[in-house]
């Protein structure tokens, strides 16, 4: 594994740990921010040829944002289910 992959894995782990302690309000806010980021990246992606270095970089950023969005939405769903089960 390259040092870039190790750094990315470490960052993903930190992101996931941060989600564990986040409030529902924080998760909702982060979800909206990530959705907006993904939309901006998708618009930007359309401005570059797909096979270009810039296009590939933006595509990786879109995948990363989509993965983070999925993690946030999953954490939100789990937290809401736990809250509802306690009621």
Protein backbone atom coordinates (compact mmCIF):
# COMPACT_ATOMS: atom_id res chain seq x y z
CA UNK A 1 0.00 0.00 0.00
CA UNK A 2 1.33 3.48 -0.81
CA UNK A 3 1.66 6.29 1.71
CA UNK A 4 -1.21 8.07 -0.08
CA UNK A 5 -3.50 5.10 0.56
CA UNK A 6 -2.40 4.93 4.21
CA UNK A 7 -3.10 8.64 4.67
CA UNK A 8 -6.51 8.30 3.03
CA UNK A 9 -7.36 5.27 5.22
CA UNK A 10 -6.33 7.21 8.33
CA UNK A 11 -8.46 10.21 7.29
CA UNK A 12 -11.44 7.95 6.60
CA UNK A 13 -11.05 6.37 10.05
CA UNK A 14 -10.95 9.79 11.70
CA UNK A 15 -14.02 10.86 9.73
CA UNK A 16 -15.94 7.73 10.80
CA UNK A 17 -14.95 8.21 14.47
CA UNK A 18 -16.16 11.79 14.28
CA UNK A 19 -19.53 10.61 13.04
CA UNK A 20 -19.96 8.30 16.04
CA UNK A 21 -20.14 11.20 18.48
CA UNK A 22 -21.98 13.68 16.28
CA UNK A 23 -25.46 14.92 17.15
CA UNK A 24 -28.39 14.41 14.77
CA UNK A 25 -28.31 18.13 14.00
CA UNK A 26 -24.61 17.94 13.13
CA UNK A 27 -25.19 14.91 10.91
CA UNK A 28 -28.03 16.70 9.09
CA UNK A 29 -25.86 19.78 8.56
CA UNK A 30 -22.89 17.74 7.35
CA UNK A 31 -25.13 15.79 4.97
CA UNK A 32 -26.35 19.05 3.40
CA UNK A 33 -22.79 20.36 3.09
CA UNK A 34 -21.58 17.16 1.44
CA UNK A 35 -24.54 17.14 -0.98
CA UNK A 36 -23.68 20.72 -1.98
CA UNK A 37 -19.98 19.81 -2.37
CA UNK A 38 -20.86 16.85 -4.57
CA UNK A 39 -23.11 19.02 -6.76
CA UNK A 40 -20.32 21.62 -7.18
CA UNK A 41 -17.83 18.90 -8.09
CA UNK A 42 -20.22 17.38 -10.63
CA UNK A 43 -20.66 20.76 -12.31
CA UNK A 44 -16.90 21.28 -12.32
CA UNK A 45 -16.33 17.78 -13.72
CA UNK A 46 -18.41 18.70 -16.75
CA UNK A 47 -15.95 21.47 -17.58
CA UNK A 48 -13.02 19.11 -18.19
CA UNK A 49 -12.50 16.26 -20.64
CA UNK A 50 -13.17 12.95 -18.84
CA UNK A 51 -9.77 11.50 -19.69
CA UNK A 52 -7.86 14.59 -18.53
CA UNK A 53 -5.85 14.61 -15.32
CA UNK A 54 -8.17 17.28 -13.90
CA UNK A 55 -11.23 15.22 -14.84
CA UNK A 56 -9.82 12.13 -13.12
CA UNK A 57 -8.92 14.14 -10.01
CA UNK A 58 -12.42 15.63 -9.78
CA UNK A 59 -13.95 12.18 -10.35
CA UNK A 60 -11.97 10.86 -7.34
CA UNK A 61 -13.19 13.82 -5.28
CA UNK A 62 -16.80 13.07 -6.29
CA UNK A 63 -16.37 9.43 -5.20
CA UNK A 64 -14.90 10.54 -1.87
CA UNK A 65 -17.75 12.99 -1.25
CA UNK A 66 -20.31 10.32 -2.19
CA UNK A 67 -18.70 7.86 0.23
CA UNK A 68 -18.72 10.42 3.03
CA UNK A 69 -22.35 11.28 2.27
CA UNK A 70 -23.27 7.61 2.50
CA UNK A 71 -21.46 7.28 5.84
CA UNK A 72 -23.19 10.36 7.24
CA UNK A 73 -26.63 9.23 6.09
CA UNK A 74 -26.05 5.73 7.50
CA UNK A 75 -24.92 7.17 10.85
CA UNK A 76 -27.98 9.42 10.87
CA UNK A 77 -30.30 6.49 10.15
CA UNK A 78 -28.73 4.33 12.87
CA UNK A 79 -28.85 7.17 15.40
CA UNK A 80 -32.52 7.87 14.64
CA UNK A 81 -33.40 4.17 14.91
CA UNK A 82 -31.63 3.96 18.28
CA UNK A 83 -33.43 7.08 19.48
CA UNK A 84 -36.81 5.74 18.35
CA UNK A 85 -36.17 2.35 19.97
CA UNK A 86 -35.55 4.09 23.33
CA UNK A 87 -38.95 5.81 23.16
